C-alpha atoms as a PDB file:
ATOM      1  CA  MET A   1     -26.309 -12.480 -65.477  1.00  0.00           C
ATOM      2  CA  LYS A   2     -24.030  -9.934 -67.028  1.00  0.00           C
ATOM      3  CA  THR A   3     -25.442  -7.192 -64.811  1.00  0.00           C
ATOM      4  CA  THR A   4     -24.704  -9.132 -61.597  1.00  0.00           C
ATOM      5  CA  ALA A   5     -21.126  -9.881 -62.712  1.00  0.00           C
ATOM      6  CA  SER A   6     -20.583  -6.240 -63.687  1.00  0.00           C
ATOM      7  CA  ARG A   7     -22.026  -5.031 -60.423  1.00  0.00           C
ATOM      8  CA  THR A   8     -19.798  -7.458 -58.437  1.00  0.00           C
ATOM      9  CA  THR A   9     -16.739  -6.334 -60.383  1.00  0.00           C
ATOM     10  CA  ARG A  10     -17.556  -2.660 -59.860  1.00  0.00           C
ATOM     11  CA  THR A  11     -18.110  -3.271 -56.138  1.00  0.00           C
ATOM     12  CA  ALA A  12     -14.783  -5.108 -55.842  1.00  0.00           C
ATOM     13  CA  VAL A  13     -12.965  -2.340 -57.718  1.00  0.00           C
ATOM     14  CA  ALA A  14     -14.609   0.323 -55.533  1.00  0.00           C
ATOM     15  CA  MET A  15     -13.671  -1.545 -52.351  1.00  0.00           C
ATOM     16  CA  ALA A  16     -10.093  -1.971 -53.533  1.00  0.00           C
ATOM     17  CA  GLY A  17      -9.922   1.720 -54.380  1.00  0.00           C
ATOM     18  CA  ALA A  18     -11.303   2.680 -50.974  1.00  0.00           C
ATOM     19  CA  ALA A  19      -8.780   0.400 -49.260  1.00  0.00           C
ATOM     20  CA  CYS A  20      -5.907   1.968 -51.234  1.00  0.00           C
ATOM     21  CA  THR A  21      -7.157   5.461 -50.403  1.00  0.00           C
ATOM     22  CA  LEU A  22      -7.367   4.653 -46.678  1.00  0.00           C
ATOM     23  CA  ALA A  23      -3.908   3.085 -46.761  1.00  0.00           C
ATOM     24  CA  ALA A  24      -2.480   6.175 -48.458  1.00  0.00           C
ATOM     25  CA  MET A  25      -4.182   8.472 -45.948  1.00  0.00           C
ATOM     26  CA  SER A  26      -3.158   6.520 -42.853  1.00  0.00           C
ATOM     27  CA  GLY A  27      -0.776   8.126 -40.414  1.00  0.00           C
ATOM     28  CA  CYS A  28       2.754   7.215 -39.548  1.00  0.00           C
ATOM     29  CA  LEU A  29       4.027   6.474 -36.060  1.00  0.00           C
ATOM     30  CA  GLN A  30       7.728   6.913 -35.431  1.00  0.00           C
ATOM     31  CA  ARG A  31       9.472   6.133 -32.137  1.00  0.00           C
ATOM     32  CA  THR A  32      12.963   7.402 -31.389  1.00  0.00           C
ATOM     33  CA  ILE A  33      15.282   7.366 -28.380  1.00  0.00           C
ATOM     34  CA  THR A  34      17.858  10.175 -28.418  1.00  0.00           C
ATOM     35  CA  VAL A  35      20.929   9.632 -26.252  1.00  0.00           C
ATOM     36  CA  THR A  36      23.212  12.591 -25.527  1.00  0.00           C
ATOM     37  CA  SER A  37      26.177  13.057 -23.232  1.00  0.00           C
ATOM     38  CA  GLU A  38      28.437  15.751 -21.915  1.00  0.00           C
ATOM     39  CA  PRO A  39      31.034  15.599 -23.336  1.00  0.00           C
ATOM     40  CA  PRO A  40      29.686  14.176 -26.611  1.00  0.00           C
ATOM     41  CA  GLY A  41      31.326  11.309 -28.458  1.00  0.00           C
ATOM     42  CA  ALA A  42      30.675   8.446 -26.014  1.00  0.00           C
ATOM     43  CA  VAL A  43      30.002   5.034 -27.532  1.00  0.00           C
ATOM     44  CA  VAL A  44      26.421   3.932 -26.729  1.00  0.00           C
ATOM     45  CA  TRP A  45      24.996   0.439 -26.367  1.00  0.00           C
ATOM     46  CA  VAL A  46      21.246  -0.096 -26.035  1.00  0.00           C
ATOM     47  CA  ASN A  47      20.262  -3.615 -24.978  1.00  0.00           C
ATOM     48  CA  ASP A  48      23.840  -4.757 -25.687  1.00  0.00           C
ATOM     49  CA  ASN A  49      23.752  -3.493 -29.295  1.00  0.00           C
ATOM     50  CA  GLU A  50      26.218  -0.769 -30.203  1.00  0.00           C
ATOM     51  CA  VAL A  51      24.179   2.035 -31.753  1.00  0.00           C
ATOM     52  CA  GLY A  52      26.769   4.776 -32.275  1.00  0.00           C
ATOM     53  CA  ARG A  53      28.337   7.758 -30.545  1.00  0.00           C
ATOM     54  CA  THR A  54      26.518  10.525 -28.710  1.00  0.00           C
ATOM     55  CA  PRO A  55      24.472  12.327 -29.786  1.00  0.00           C
ATOM     56  CA  VAL A  56      22.680   9.351 -31.379  1.00  0.00           C
ATOM     57  CA  ASP A  57      19.089   8.559 -32.403  1.00  0.00           C
ATOM     58  CA  VAL A  58      17.815   4.994 -32.076  1.00  0.00           C
ATOM     59  CA  ASP A  59      14.470   3.813 -33.451  1.00  0.00           C
ATOM     60  CA  PHE A  60      12.575   1.522 -31.100  1.00  0.00           C
ATOM     61  CA  THR A  61       9.510  -0.686 -31.419  1.00  0.00           C
ATOM     62  CA  TYR A  62       8.472  -1.607 -27.886  1.00  0.00           C
ATOM     63  CA  PHE A  63       7.874   0.179 -24.604  1.00  0.00           C
ATOM     64  CA  GLY A  64       9.496  -1.086 -21.432  1.00  0.00           C
ATOM     65  CA  LYS A  65      12.972  -1.435 -19.957  1.00  0.00           C
ATOM     66  CA  TYR A  66      16.160  -0.718 -21.865  1.00  0.00           C
ATOM     67  CA  SER A  67      19.699  -1.297 -20.676  1.00  0.00           C
ATOM     68  CA  VAL A  68      22.030   1.549 -21.640  1.00  0.00           C
ATOM     69  CA  ARG A  69      25.826   1.698 -21.520  1.00  0.00           C
ATOM     70  CA  LEU A  70      28.092   4.606 -22.383  1.00  0.00           C
ATOM     71  CA  ARG A  71      31.855   4.584 -22.601  1.00  0.00           C
ATOM     72  CA  ARG A  72      34.388   7.214 -23.581  1.00  0.00           C
ATOM     73  CA  GLU A  73      38.146   7.174 -23.183  1.00  0.00           C
ATOM     74  CA  GLY A  74      39.200   9.121 -20.082  1.00  0.00           C
ATOM     75  CA  TYR A  75      35.751   8.939 -18.440  1.00  0.00           C
ATOM     76  CA  GLU A  76      34.014   6.568 -16.073  1.00  0.00           C
ATOM     77  CA  PRO A  77      31.707   4.152 -17.919  1.00  0.00           C
ATOM     78  CA  ILE A  78      27.976   4.433 -17.278  1.00  0.00           C
ATOM     79  CA  VAL A  79      25.622   1.463 -16.971  1.00  0.00           C
ATOM     80  CA  ASP A  80      21.943   2.316 -16.592  1.00  0.00           C
ATOM     81  CA  VAL A  81      18.455   0.870 -16.965  1.00  0.00           C
ATOM     82  CA  ARG A  82      15.784   3.180 -18.376  1.00  0.00           C
ATOM     83  CA  HIS A  83      12.063   2.677 -18.792  1.00  0.00           C
ATOM     84  CA  VAL A  84      10.081   3.964 -21.767  1.00  0.00           C
ATOM     85  CA  LYS A  85       6.434   4.490 -20.866  1.00  0.00           C
ATOM     86  CA  LYS A  86       3.659   4.040 -23.393  1.00  0.00           C
ATOM     87  CA  PRO A  87       1.977   7.361 -24.281  1.00  0.00           C
ATOM     88  CA  VAL A  88      -1.826   7.615 -24.349  1.00  0.00           C
ATOM     89  CA  HIS A  89      -1.985   7.523 -28.161  1.00  0.00           C
ATOM     90  CA  GLU A  90      -0.369   4.046 -28.009  1.00  0.00           C
ATOM     91  CA  TRP A  91      -2.888   2.478 -25.616  1.00  0.00           C
ATOM     92  CA  PRO A  92      -4.844  -0.483 -27.032  1.00  0.00           C
ATOM     93  CA  GLY A  93      -7.909   0.693 -28.905  1.00  0.00           C
ATOM     94  CA  ILE A  94      -6.707   4.274 -29.171  1.00  0.00           C
ATOM     95  CA  ASP A  95      -3.694   3.140 -31.219  1.00  0.00           C
ATOM     96  CA  VAL A  96      -5.965   1.888 -34.025  1.00  0.00           C
ATOM     97  CA  VAL A  97      -7.531   5.328 -34.359  1.00  0.00           C
ATOM     98  CA  THR A  98      -4.136   7.044 -34.080  1.00  0.00           C
ATOM     99  CA  GLU A  99      -2.689   5.010 -36.926  1.00  0.00           C
ATOM    100  CA  ALA A 100      -5.720   5.737 -39.112  1.00  0.00           C
ATOM    101  CA  VAL A 101      -5.464   9.512 -38.680  1.00  0.00           C
ATOM    102  CA  PRO A 102      -3.661  10.990 -41.709  1.00  0.00           C
ATOM    103  CA  THR A 103      -0.812  12.594 -39.793  1.00  0.00           C
ATOM    104  CA  ASN A 104       2.685  11.754 -38.654  1.00  0.00           C
ATOM    105  CA  ILE A 105       3.194  11.187 -34.931  1.00  0.00           C
ATOM    106  CA  HIS A 106       6.729  11.120 -33.582  1.00  0.00           C
ATOM    107  CA  HIS A 107       7.264   9.807 -30.047  1.00  0.00           C
ATOM    108  CA  ARG A 108      10.737  10.940 -28.940  1.00  0.00           C
ATOM    109  CA  VAL A 109      12.421   9.904 -25.695  1.00  0.00           C
ATOM    110  CA  ARG A 110      15.509  11.864 -24.603  1.00  0.00           C
ATOM    111  CA  TRP A 111      18.176  10.516 -22.264  1.00  0.00           C
ATOM    112  CA  HIS A 112      21.144  12.659 -21.230  1.00  0.00           C
ATOM    113  CA  TYR A 113      24.225  11.551 -19.323  1.00  0.00           C
ATOM    114  CA  ASP A 114      26.991  13.609 -17.741  1.00  0.00           C
ATOM    115  CA  LEU A 115      30.243  11.665 -17.900  1.00  0.00           C
ATOM    116  CA  GLU A 116      32.704  11.992 -15.023  1.00  0.00           C
ATOM    117  CA  PRO A 117      36.452  11.961 -15.653  1.00  0.00           C
ATOM    118  CA  ALA A 118      38.060   8.634 -14.813  1.00  0.00           C
ATOM    119  CA  LEU A 119      39.878   8.405 -11.492  1.00  0.00           C
ATOM    120  CA  GLU A 120      43.310   8.292 -13.123  1.00  0.00           C
ATOM    121  CA  TYR A 121      42.557  11.598 -14.882  1.00  0.00           C
ATOM    122  CA  ARG A 122      41.221  13.356 -11.758  1.00  0.00           C
ATOM    123  CA  VAL A 123      44.032  12.576  -9.324  1.00  0.00           C
ATOM    124  CA  SER A 124      47.527  11.130  -9.524  1.00  0.00           C
ATOM    125  CA  GLY A 125      50.106   9.305  -7.442  1.00  0.00           C
ATOM    126  CA  PRO A 126      49.448   8.297  -3.843  1.00  0.00           C
ATOM    127  CA  GLU A 127      46.173  10.242  -3.752  1.00  0.00           C
ATOM    128  CA  ALA A 128      44.817   8.126  -6.616  1.00  0.00           C
ATOM    129  CA  GLU A 129      45.841   4.917  -4.882  1.00  0.00           C
ATOM    130  CA  SER A 130      44.216   6.013  -1.629  1.00  0.00           C
ATOM    131  CA  GLU A 131      40.988   7.002  -3.394  1.00  0.00           C
ATOM    132  CA  LEU A 132      40.922   3.714  -5.302  1.00  0.00           C
ATOM    133  CA  ILE A 133      41.311   1.712  -2.069  1.00  0.00           C
ATOM    134  CA  HIS A 134      38.597   3.772  -0.359  1.00  0.00           C
ATOM    135  CA  SER A 135      36.277   3.244  -3.328  1.00  0.00           C
ATOM    136  CA  GLY A 136      36.920  -0.524  -3.216  1.00  0.00           C
ATOM    137  CA  VAL A 137      36.163  -0.684   0.513  1.00  0.00           C
ATOM    138  CA  GLN A 138      32.900   1.226  -0.032  1.00  0.00           C
ATOM    139  CA  MET A 139      31.865  -1.138  -2.816  1.00  0.00           C
ATOM    140  CA  ARG A 140      32.651  -4.169  -0.645  1.00  0.00           C
ATOM    141  CA  LYS A 141      30.499  -2.739   2.155  1.00  0.00           C
ATOM    142  CA  GLN A 142      27.611  -2.156  -0.250  1.00  0.00           C
ATOM    143  CA  LEU A 143      27.840  -5.686  -1.609  1.00  0.00           C
ATOM    144  CA  ARG A 144      27.845  -7.222   1.845  1.00  0.00           C
ATOM    145  CA  GLY A 145      25.078  -4.976   3.159  1.00  0.00           C
ATOM    146  CA  TYR A 146      27.473  -3.569   5.705  1.00  0.00           C
ATOM    147  CA  ASP A 147      25.915  -1.242   8.261  1.00  0.00           C
ATOM    148  CA  GLU A 148      28.549   0.983   9.890  1.00  0.00           C
ATOM    149  CA  SER A 149      26.241   1.921  12.748  1.00  0.00           C
ATOM    150  CA  ALA A 150      26.064  -1.736  13.807  1.00  0.00           C
ATOM    151  CA  ALA A 151      29.833  -2.318  13.534  1.00  0.00           C
ATOM    152  CA  PRO A 152      31.812  -2.993  16.749  1.00  0.00           C
ATOM    153  CA  ARG A 153      34.094  -0.160  17.834  1.00  0.00           C
END
């Protein structure tokens, strides 16, 4: 009886030790989105959460669509939708092996934006007013699906 209990205890201890060893050897997956802008210092929102000023690193957990907004005083705001594709080492089945490999894997996605000076900083006076009106007319045409070639003359 004592031999069976000892053997069971030793087996349990060995299995626990093996599990701890595998856990200590397992790899680490890190996922980061880096957002930069020219000029730097724009406030960044990812999925409506303010994450900081450019350049900024944001950890992420899922692959798919992300809404991105940038804003800096004196520059036109940017609203964008970006897609983060799943790399091969994250595909189902392969990801189990990847996480078990005793190495660190860092998946980094880089998004860069060039900010344009705001209209009021580019032009002034009557020229600014004219450009603003022209811009508004163009936006209205886009919203209505306006086709200039079909317009009466």
